[in-house]
């Protein structure tokens, strides 16, 4: 129930923010096209995964909800990043801008950062859950005894990572940073605020809740730093690696 209310609140916030920042903005059309195209691809992949998992009879209004939310989150988040002169999706945007193309060295540097943070986050998660074993997550319980985990499940967890990073980091964190832009330490206040909401949204997934909250909050801080410094792609790939790690190691952690 709480997660549903949170999603509705975030959607309303995104709608209001998009209207305010895109109204009369010519550049908004470019970002909107990028946002809706990305959201369309996401929804098509989501529906494909649902069909592969024999869940195509579920409420397809969820796909429409995700399309609207993701489109506006990406559009508004990118515009706010531009106002704050912070990276949004620098790797993808560089592909369409010859003068701003990232050098191979920069891409390799980002890859090293992704691998380093992924190693630290996955190690932290494994040690924490070994020391304080939680009850099994509902999302993972179907795979705890499985010898082979379906590819559709891995794709699902990757899509979850992209959706969450777009909402909580690209939009929400950047939105808070914009509101707090005149305050000293406003960026870290935004990272902490979005991480708290991110952790709260994951309550109920595992018990005891305080262990999951601690894990998700601290990981949110790390992903927030990556978003602020390197943009969405770096935070997304790190989050995706964590999700895949959790999926395949769940039988040994619970």
C-alpha atoms as a PDB file:
ATOM      1  CA  UNK A   1       0.000   0.000   0.000  1.00  0.00           C
ATOM      2  CA  UNK A   2       2.785   2.393   0.944  1.00  0.00           C
ATOM      3  CA  UNK A   3       4.708   1.607  -2.232  1.00  0.00           C
ATOM      4  CA  UNK A   4       1.590   2.339  -4.310  1.00  0.00           C
ATOM      5  CA  UNK A   5       1.036   5.697  -2.590  1.00  0.00           C
ATOM      6  CA  UNK A   6       4.701   6.535  -3.079  1.00  0.00           C
ATOM      7  CA  UNK A   7       4.506   5.737  -6.791  1.00  0.00           C
ATOM      8  CA  UNK A   8       1.376   7.863  -7.198  1.00  0.00           C
ATOM      9  CA  UNK A   9       3.009  10.761  -5.310  1.00  0.00           C
ATOM     10  CA  UNK A  10       6.159  10.546  -7.428  1.00  0.00           C
ATOM     11  CA  UNK A  11       4.077  10.463 -10.597  1.00  0.00           C
ATOM     12  CA  UNK A  12       2.173  13.596  -9.579  1.00  0.00           C
ATOM     13  CA  UNK A  13       5.450  15.282  -8.665  1.00  0.00           C
ATOM     14  CA  UNK A  14       6.941  14.378 -12.039  1.00  0.00           C
ATOM     15  CA  UNK A  15       3.838  15.590 -13.879  1.00  0.00           C
ATOM     16  CA  UNK A  16       3.866  18.916 -12.050  1.00  0.00           C
ATOM     17  CA  UNK A  17       7.591  19.393 -12.523  1.00  0.00           C
ATOM     18  CA  UNK A  18       7.481  18.510 -16.208  1.00  0.00           C
ATOM     19  CA  UNK A  19       4.687  21.003 -16.832  1.00  0.00           C
ATOM     20  CA  UNK A  20       6.522  23.750 -14.971  1.00  0.00           C
ATOM     21  CA  UNK A  21       9.935  23.245 -16.555  1.00  0.00           C
ATOM     22  CA  UNK A  22       8.834  22.310 -20.069  1.00  0.00           C
ATOM     23  CA  UNK A  23       6.230  25.039 -20.493  1.00  0.00           C
ATOM     24  CA  UNK A  24       7.408  27.329 -23.236  1.00  0.00           C
ATOM     25  CA  UNK A  25      10.806  25.651 -23.398  1.00  0.00           C
ATOM     26  CA  UNK A  26      11.874  24.910 -26.950  1.00  0.00           C
ATOM     27  CA  UNK A  27      14.606  22.552 -25.766  1.00  0.00           C
ATOM     28  CA  UNK A  28      11.930  20.585 -23.937  1.00  0.00           C
ATOM     29  CA  UNK A  29      10.762  19.026 -27.202  1.00  0.00           C
ATOM     30  CA  UNK A  30      14.172  17.444 -27.783  1.00  0.00           C
ATOM     31  CA  UNK A  31      14.269  15.994 -24.300  1.00  0.00           C
ATOM     32  CA  UNK A  32      10.657  14.872 -24.524  1.00  0.00           C
ATOM     33  CA  UNK A  33      11.354  12.941 -27.741  1.00  0.00           C
ATOM     34  CA  UNK A  34      14.316  11.264 -26.087  1.00  0.00           C
ATOM     35  CA  UNK A  35      12.309  10.500 -22.946  1.00  0.00           C
ATOM     36  CA  UNK A  36       9.306   8.991 -24.705  1.00  0.00           C
ATOM     37  CA  UNK A  37      11.464   6.947 -27.103  1.00  0.00           C
ATOM     38  CA  UNK A  38      13.419   5.509 -24.196  1.00  0.00           C
ATOM     39  CA  UNK A  39      10.207   4.814 -22.279  1.00  0.00           C
ATOM     40  CA  UNK A  40       8.690   3.110 -25.325  1.00  0.00           C
ATOM     41  CA  UNK A  41      11.672   0.780 -25.613  1.00  0.00           C
ATOM     42  CA  UNK A  42      11.512   0.083 -21.873  1.00  0.00           C
ATOM     43  CA  UNK A  43       7.803  -0.795 -21.994  1.00  0.00           C
ATOM     44  CA  UNK A  44       8.273  -3.063 -25.028  1.00  0.00           C
ATOM     45  CA  UNK A  45      11.026  -4.934 -23.185  1.00  0.00           C
ATOM     46  CA  UNK A  46       8.870  -5.072 -20.058  1.00  0.00           C
ATOM     47  CA  UNK A  47       5.948  -6.571 -21.961  1.00  0.00           C
ATOM     48  CA  UNK A  48       8.285  -9.008 -23.667  1.00  0.00           C
ATOM     49  CA  UNK A  49       9.598 -10.193 -20.319  1.00  0.00           C
ATOM     50  CA  UNK A  50       6.061 -10.555 -18.963  1.00  0.00           C
ATOM     51  CA  UNK A  51       5.107 -12.700 -21.942  1.00  0.00           C
ATOM     52  CA  UNK A  52       8.245 -14.828 -21.541  1.00  0.00           C
ATOM     53  CA  UNK A  53       7.351 -15.339 -17.891  1.00  0.00           C
ATOM     54  CA  UNK A  54       3.749 -16.251 -18.822  1.00  0.00           C
ATOM     55  CA  UNK A  55       2.410 -13.184 -17.015  1.00  0.00           C
ATOM     56  CA  UNK A  56       0.868 -11.486 -20.051  1.00  0.00           C
ATOM     57  CA  UNK A  57      -2.588 -11.632 -18.452  1.00  0.00           C
ATOM     58  CA  UNK A  58      -1.543  -9.063 -15.848  1.00  0.00           C
ATOM     59  CA  UNK A  59      -3.015  -5.567 -15.878  1.00  0.00           C
ATOM     60  CA  UNK A  60      -1.510  -3.855 -18.911  1.00  0.00           C
ATOM     61  CA  UNK A  61      -2.346  -0.450 -17.434  1.00  0.00           C
ATOM     62  CA  UNK A  62       0.886  -0.875 -15.491  1.00  0.00           C
ATOM     63  CA  UNK A  63       2.779  -0.604 -18.775  1.00  0.00           C
ATOM     64  CA  UNK A  64       0.996   2.673 -19.574  1.00  0.00           C
ATOM     65  CA  UNK A  65       1.776   3.960 -16.074  1.00  0.00           C
ATOM     66  CA  UNK A  66       5.445   3.101 -16.552  1.00  0.00           C
ATOM     67  CA  UNK A  67       5.512   4.771 -19.970  1.00  0.00           C
ATOM     68  CA  UNK A  68       4.111   8.071 -18.671  1.00  0.00           C
ATOM     69  CA  UNK A  69       6.208   8.080 -15.499  1.00  0.00           C
ATOM     70  CA  UNK A  70       9.451   7.141 -17.230  1.00  0.00           C
ATOM     71  CA  UNK A  71       8.948   9.545 -20.149  1.00  0.00           C
ATOM     72  CA  UNK A  72       8.437  12.532 -17.880  1.00  0.00           C
ATOM     73  CA  UNK A  73      11.079  11.457 -15.362  1.00  0.00           C
ATOM     74  CA  UNK A  74      13.777  11.223 -18.039  1.00  0.00           C
ATOM     75  CA  UNK A  75      12.636  14.417 -19.793  1.00  0.00           C
ATOM     76  CA  UNK A  76      12.443  16.533 -16.646  1.00  0.00           C
ATOM     77  CA  UNK A  77      15.536  15.005 -15.091  1.00  0.00           C
ATOM     78  CA  UNK A  78      17.644  15.781 -18.153  1.00  0.00           C
ATOM     79  CA  UNK A  79      16.422  19.380 -18.273  1.00  0.00           C
ATOM     80  CA  UNK A  80      17.153  19.891 -14.595  1.00  0.00           C
ATOM     81  CA  UNK A  81      20.617  18.380 -15.035  1.00  0.00           C
ATOM     82  CA  UNK A  82      21.208  20.876 -17.815  1.00  0.00           C
ATOM     83  CA  UNK A  83      20.175  23.752 -15.543  1.00  0.00           C
ATOM     84  CA  UNK A  84      22.487  22.479 -12.810  1.00  0.00           C
ATOM     85  CA  UNK A  85      25.280  21.750 -15.321  1.00  0.00           C
ATOM     86  CA  UNK A  86      25.418  18.150 -14.115  1.00  0.00           C
ATOM     87  CA  UNK A  87      25.669  15.019 -16.308  1.00  0.00           C
ATOM     88  CA  UNK A  88      22.421  13.265 -17.173  1.00  0.00           C
ATOM     89  CA  UNK A  89      23.148  10.622 -19.839  1.00  0.00           C
ATOM     90  CA  UNK A  90      26.565  11.805 -21.065  1.00  0.00           C
ATOM     91  CA  UNK A  91      27.547   8.618 -22.894  1.00  0.00           C
ATOM     92  CA  UNK A  92      24.323   8.389 -24.914  1.00  0.00           C
ATOM     93  CA  UNK A  93      24.184  12.126 -25.613  1.00  0.00           C
ATOM     94  CA  UNK A  94      27.804  12.138 -26.778  1.00  0.00           C
ATOM     95  CA  UNK A  95      26.901   9.735 -29.589  1.00  0.00           C
ATOM     96  CA  UNK A  96      24.837  12.461 -31.242  1.00  0.00           C
ATOM     97  CA  UNK A  97      27.280  15.294 -30.601  1.00  0.00           C
ATOM     98  CA  UNK A  98      30.556  14.976 -32.477  1.00  0.00           C
ATOM     99  CA  UNK A  99      32.239  17.774 -30.528  1.00  0.00           C
ATOM    100  CA  UNK A 100      31.340  16.230 -27.175  1.00  0.00           C
ATOM    101  CA  UNK A 101      32.087  12.585 -27.879  1.00  0.00           C
ATOM    102  CA  UNK A 102      33.670  10.773 -24.982  1.00  0.00           C
ATOM    103  CA  UNK A 103      37.143   9.431 -25.605  1.00  0.00           C
ATOM    104  CA  UNK A 104      37.881   5.720 -25.273  1.00  0.00           C
ATOM    105  CA  UNK A 105      39.946   6.511 -22.173  1.00  0.00           C
ATOM    106  CA  UNK A 106      36.931   8.141 -20.532  1.00  0.00           C
ATOM    107  CA  UNK A 107      34.717   5.148 -21.347  1.00  0.00           C
ATOM    108  CA  UNK A 108      37.311   2.765 -19.903  1.00  0.00           C
ATOM    109  CA  UNK A 109      37.544   4.952 -16.825  1.00  0.00           C
ATOM    110  CA  UNK A 110      33.771   4.742 -16.355  1.00  0.00           C
ATOM    111  CA  UNK A 111      33.902   0.980 -16.807  1.00  0.00           C
ATOM    112  CA  UNK A 112      36.522   0.718 -14.047  1.00  0.00           C
ATOM    113  CA  UNK A 113      34.346   2.842 -11.770  1.00  0.00           C
ATOM    114  CA  UNK A 114      31.307   0.638 -12.468  1.00  0.00           C
ATOM    115  CA  UNK A 115      33.305  -2.505 -11.694  1.00  0.00           C
ATOM    116  CA  UNK A 116      34.823  -1.010  -8.531  1.00  0.00           C
ATOM    117  CA  UNK A 117      31.514   0.227  -7.106  1.00  0.00           C
ATOM    118  CA  UNK A 118      29.773  -3.001  -8.115  1.00  0.00           C
ATOM    119  CA  UNK A 119      32.400  -5.031  -6.269  1.00  0.00           C
ATOM    120  CA  UNK A 120      32.097  -2.869  -3.153  1.00  0.00           C
ATOM    121  CA  UNK A 121      28.281  -2.847  -3.150  1.00  0.00           C
ATOM    122  CA  UNK A 122      27.913  -6.569  -3.860  1.00  0.00           C
ATOM    123  CA  UNK A 123      30.490  -7.442  -1.188  1.00  0.00           C
ATOM    124  CA  UNK A 124      28.746  -5.190   1.322  1.00  0.00           C
ATOM    125  CA  UNK A 125      25.371  -6.775   0.540  1.00  0.00           C
ATOM    126  CA  UNK A 126      26.695 -10.316   0.822  1.00  0.00           C
ATOM    127  CA  UNK A 127      28.478  -9.681   4.140  1.00  0.00           C
ATOM    128  CA  UNK A 128      25.509  -7.796   5.621  1.00  0.00           C
ATOM    129  CA  UNK A 129      23.017 -10.545   4.750  1.00  0.00           C
ATOM    130  CA  UNK A 130      25.397 -13.219   5.975  1.00  0.00           C
ATOM    131  CA  UNK A 131      25.780 -11.485   9.338  1.00  0.00           C
ATOM    132  CA  UNK A 132      22.085 -10.598   9.639  1.00  0.00           C
ATOM    133  CA  UNK A 133      20.140 -13.138   7.533  1.00  0.00           C
ATOM    134  CA  UNK A 134      16.761 -11.672   6.507  1.00  0.00           C
ATOM    135  CA  UNK A 135      13.676 -13.583   5.491  1.00  0.00           C
ATOM    136  CA  UNK A 136      13.513 -14.330   1.796  1.00  0.00           C
ATOM    137  CA  UNK A 137      12.275 -11.737  -0.673  1.00  0.00           C
ATOM    138  CA  UNK A 138       9.048 -12.556  -2.484  1.00  0.00           C
ATOM    139  CA  UNK A 139      10.701 -11.567  -5.754  1.00  0.00           C
ATOM    140  CA  UNK A 140      13.411 -14.168  -5.180  1.00  0.00           C
ATOM    141  CA  UNK A 141      11.599 -17.024  -3.482  1.00  0.00           C
ATOM    142  CA  UNK A 142      10.626 -18.687  -6.774  1.00  0.00           C
ATOM    143  CA  UNK A 143      14.295 -19.060  -7.657  1.00  0.00           C
ATOM    144  CA  UNK A 144      15.766 -20.129  -4.300  1.00  0.00           C
ATOM    145  CA  UNK A 145      15.727 -23.790  -5.225  1.00  0.00           C
ATOM    146  CA  UNK A 146      16.195 -23.417  -8.955  1.00  0.00           C
ATOM    147  CA  UNK A 147      19.327 -24.820 -10.579  1.00  0.00           C
ATOM    148  CA  UNK A 148      18.959 -22.542 -13.620  1.00  0.00           C
ATOM    149  CA  UNK A 149      17.466 -19.069 -13.361  1.00  0.00           C
ATOM    150  CA  UNK A 150      15.540 -18.019 -16.515  1.00  0.00           C
ATOM    151  CA  UNK A 151      16.986 -15.257 -18.682  1.00  0.00           C
ATOM    152  CA  UNK A 152      13.621 -13.472 -18.417  1.00  0.00           C
ATOM    153  CA  UNK A 153      14.157 -13.099 -14.666  1.00  0.00           C
ATOM    154  CA  UNK A 154      17.573 -11.528 -15.226  1.00  0.00           C
ATOM    155  CA  UNK A 155      16.084  -9.138 -17.800  1.00  0.00           C
ATOM    156  CA  UNK A 156      13.315  -8.245 -15.360  1.00  0.00           C
ATOM    157  CA  UNK A 157      15.820  -7.285 -12.656  1.00  0.00           C
ATOM    158  CA  UNK A 158      17.824  -5.218 -15.162  1.00  0.00           C
ATOM    159  CA  UNK A 159      14.646  -3.346 -16.168  1.00  0.00           C
ATOM    160  CA  UNK A 160      13.880  -2.728 -12.489  1.00  0.00           C
ATOM    161  CA  UNK A 161      17.333  -1.168 -12.099  1.00  0.00           C
ATOM    162  CA  UNK A 162      16.788   1.175 -15.060  1.00  0.00           C
ATOM    163  CA  UNK A 163      13.328   2.212 -13.874  1.00  0.00           C
ATOM    164  CA  UNK A 164      14.482   2.914 -10.326  1.00  0.00           C
ATOM    165  CA  UNK A 165      17.575   4.850 -11.397  1.00  0.00           C
ATOM    166  CA  UNK A 166      15.512   6.991 -13.787  1.00  0.00           C
ATOM    167  CA  UNK A 167      12.954   7.792 -11.085  1.00  0.00           C
ATOM    168  CA  UNK A 168      15.033   8.079  -7.917  1.00  0.00           C
ATOM    169  CA  UNK A 169      18.343   9.345  -9.273  1.00  0.00           C
ATOM    170  CA  UNK A 170      17.828  11.115 -12.615  1.00  0.00           C
ATOM    171  CA  UNK A 171      14.569  12.776 -11.602  1.00  0.00           C
ATOM    172  CA  UNK A 172      14.090  12.852  -7.829  1.00  0.00           C
ATOM    173  CA  UNK A 173      17.695  13.460  -6.794  1.00  0.00           C
ATOM    174  CA  UNK A 174      18.169  16.097  -9.487  1.00  0.00           C
ATOM    175  CA  UNK A 175      14.845  17.720  -8.559  1.00  0.00           C
ATOM    176  CA  UNK A 176      15.896  17.976  -4.907  1.00  0.00           C
ATOM    177  CA  UNK A 177      19.328  19.261  -5.919  1.00  0.00           C
ATOM    178  CA  UNK A 178      17.634  21.986  -7.967  1.00  0.00           C
ATOM    179  CA  UNK A 179      15.458  23.012  -5.028  1.00  0.00           C
ATOM    180  CA  UNK A 180      18.492  23.073  -2.720  1.00  0.00           C
ATOM    181  CA  UNK A 181      20.923  24.565  -5.251  1.00  0.00           C
ATOM    182  CA  UNK A 182      21.456  27.742  -3.204  1.00  0.00           C
ATOM    183  CA  UNK A 183      22.158  25.921   0.043  1.00  0.00           C
ATOM    184  CA  UNK A 184      25.613  24.820   1.126  1.00  0.00           C
ATOM    185  CA  UNK A 185      25.898  21.072   0.722  1.00  0.00           C
ATOM    186  CA  UNK A 186      22.640  21.017  -1.241  1.00  0.00           C
ATOM    187  CA  UNK A 187      23.866  18.270  -3.558  1.00  0.00           C
ATOM    188  CA  UNK A 188      24.556  15.846  -0.717  1.00  0.00           C
ATOM    189  CA  UNK A 189      21.307  16.825   0.973  1.00  0.00           C
ATOM    190  CA  UNK A 190      19.571  15.828  -2.271  1.00  0.00           C
ATOM    191  CA  UNK A 191      21.488  12.533  -2.422  1.00  0.00           C
ATOM    192  CA  UNK A 192      20.579  11.738   1.185  1.00  0.00           C
ATOM    193  CA  UNK A 193      16.933  12.736   0.680  1.00  0.00           C
ATOM    194  CA  UNK A 194      16.469  10.647  -2.455  1.00  0.00           C
ATOM    195  CA  UNK A 195      18.285   7.719  -0.800  1.00  0.00           C
ATOM    196  CA  UNK A 196      15.919   7.849   2.174  1.00  0.00           C
ATOM    197  CA  UNK A 197      12.911   7.735  -0.151  1.00  0.00           C
ATOM    198  CA  UNK A 198      14.587   5.003  -2.206  1.00  0.00           C
ATOM    199  CA  UNK A 199      15.148   2.915   0.929  1.00  0.00           C
ATOM    200  CA  UNK A 200      11.620   3.545   2.205  1.00  0.00           C
ATOM    201  CA  UNK A 201      10.187   2.367  -1.121  1.00  0.00           C
ATOM    202  CA  UNK A 202      11.893  -1.005  -0.578  1.00  0.00           C
ATOM    203  CA  UNK A 203      10.359  -1.643   2.829  1.00  0.00           C
ATOM    204  CA  UNK A 204       8.413  -4.884   2.959  1.00  0.00           C
ATOM    205  CA  UNK A 205      10.658  -6.667   0.475  1.00  0.00           C
ATOM    206  CA  UNK A 206      12.734  -8.306   3.192  1.00  0.00           C
ATOM    207  CA  UNK A 207      12.420  -8.858   6.925  1.00  0.00           C
ATOM    208  CA  UNK A 208      13.832  -7.584   9.202  1.00  0.00           C
ATOM    209  CA  UNK A 209      13.035  -4.256   7.633  1.00  0.00           C
ATOM    210  CA  UNK A 210      15.859  -2.347   9.343  1.00  0.00           C
ATOM    211  CA  UNK A 211      18.495  -4.539   7.663  1.00  0.00           C
ATOM    212  CA  UNK A 212      17.007  -3.970   4.219  1.00  0.00           C
ATOM    213  CA  UNK A 213      16.575  -0.256   4.926  1.00  0.00           C
ATOM    214  CA  UNK A 214      20.230   0.087   5.956  1.00  0.00           C
ATOM    215  CA  UNK A 215      21.426  -1.830   2.912  1.00  0.00           C
ATOM    216  CA  UNK A 216      19.263   0.104   0.451  1.00  0.00           C
ATOM    217  CA  UNK A 217      19.986   3.508   2.000  1.00  0.00           C
ATOM    218  CA  UNK A 218      23.767   3.083   1.912  1.00  0.00           C
ATOM    219  CA  UNK A 219      23.644   1.719  -1.619  1.00  0.00           C
ATOM    220  CA  UNK A 220      21.430   4.667  -2.556  1.00  0.00           C
ATOM    221  CA  UNK A 221      24.153   7.050  -1.340  1.00  0.00           C
ATOM    222  CA  UNK A 222      26.730   5.299  -3.528  1.00  0.00           C
ATOM    223  CA  UNK A 223      24.445   5.309  -6.579  1.00  0.00           C
ATOM    224  CA  UNK A 224      23.536   8.932  -5.896  1.00  0.00           C
ATOM    225  CA  UNK A 225      27.209   9.883  -5.926  1.00  0.00           C
ATOM    226  CA  UNK A 226      27.681   8.046  -9.223  1.00  0.00           C
ATOM    227  CA  UNK A 227      24.678   9.829 -10.726  1.00  0.00           C
ATOM    228  CA  UNK A 228      25.902  13.229  -9.590  1.00  0.00           C
ATOM    229  CA  UNK A 229      29.448  12.665 -10.812  1.00  0.00           C
ATOM    230  CA  UNK A 230      29.092  10.505 -13.918  1.00  0.00           C
ATOM    231  CA  UNK A 231      25.422  10.453 -14.937  1.00  0.00           C
ATOM    232  CA  UNK A 232      22.656   7.875 -15.187  1.00  0.00           C
ATOM    233  CA  UNK A 233      24.462   5.217 -17.230  1.00  0.00           C
ATOM    234  CA  UNK A 234      27.120   4.591 -14.586  1.00  0.00           C
ATOM    235  CA  UNK A 235      24.580   4.399 -11.759  1.00  0.00           C
ATOM    236  CA  UNK A 236      22.302   2.138 -13.821  1.00  0.00           C
ATOM    237  CA  UNK A 237      24.951  -0.428 -14.758  1.00  0.00           C
ATOM    238  CA  UNK A 238      26.163  -0.580 -11.151  1.00  0.00           C
ATOM    239  CA  UNK A 239      22.581  -1.089  -9.942  1.00  0.00           C
ATOM    240  CA  UNK A 240      21.942  -3.724 -12.625  1.00  0.00           C
ATOM    241  CA  UNK A 241      25.034  -5.704 -11.608  1.00  0.00           C
ATOM    242  CA  UNK A 242      23.860  -5.614  -7.977  1.00  0.00           C
ATOM    243  CA  UNK A 243      20.404  -6.889  -8.956  1.00  0.00           C
ATOM    244  CA  UNK A 244      21.851  -9.753 -11.011  1.00  0.00           C
ATOM    245  CA  UNK A 245      24.249 -10.575  -8.177  1.00  0.00           C
ATOM    246  CA  UNK A 246      21.359 -10.662  -5.689  1.00  0.00           C
ATOM    247  CA  UNK A 247      19.274 -12.815  -8.026  1.00  0.00           C
ATOM    248  CA  UNK A 248      21.934 -15.464  -8.560  1.00  0.00           C
ATOM    249  CA  UNK A 249      23.309 -15.520  -5.011  1.00  0.00           C
ATOM    250  CA  UNK A 250      19.952 -15.440  -3.214  1.00  0.00           C
ATOM    251  CA  UNK A 251      19.947 -19.224  -2.583  1.00  0.00           C
ATOM    252  CA  UNK A 252      23.222 -18.836  -0.661  1.00  0.00           C
ATOM    253  CA  UNK A 253      22.326 -15.625   1.208  1.00  0.00           C
ATOM    254  CA  UNK A 254      18.952 -16.616   2.687  1.00  0.00           C
END
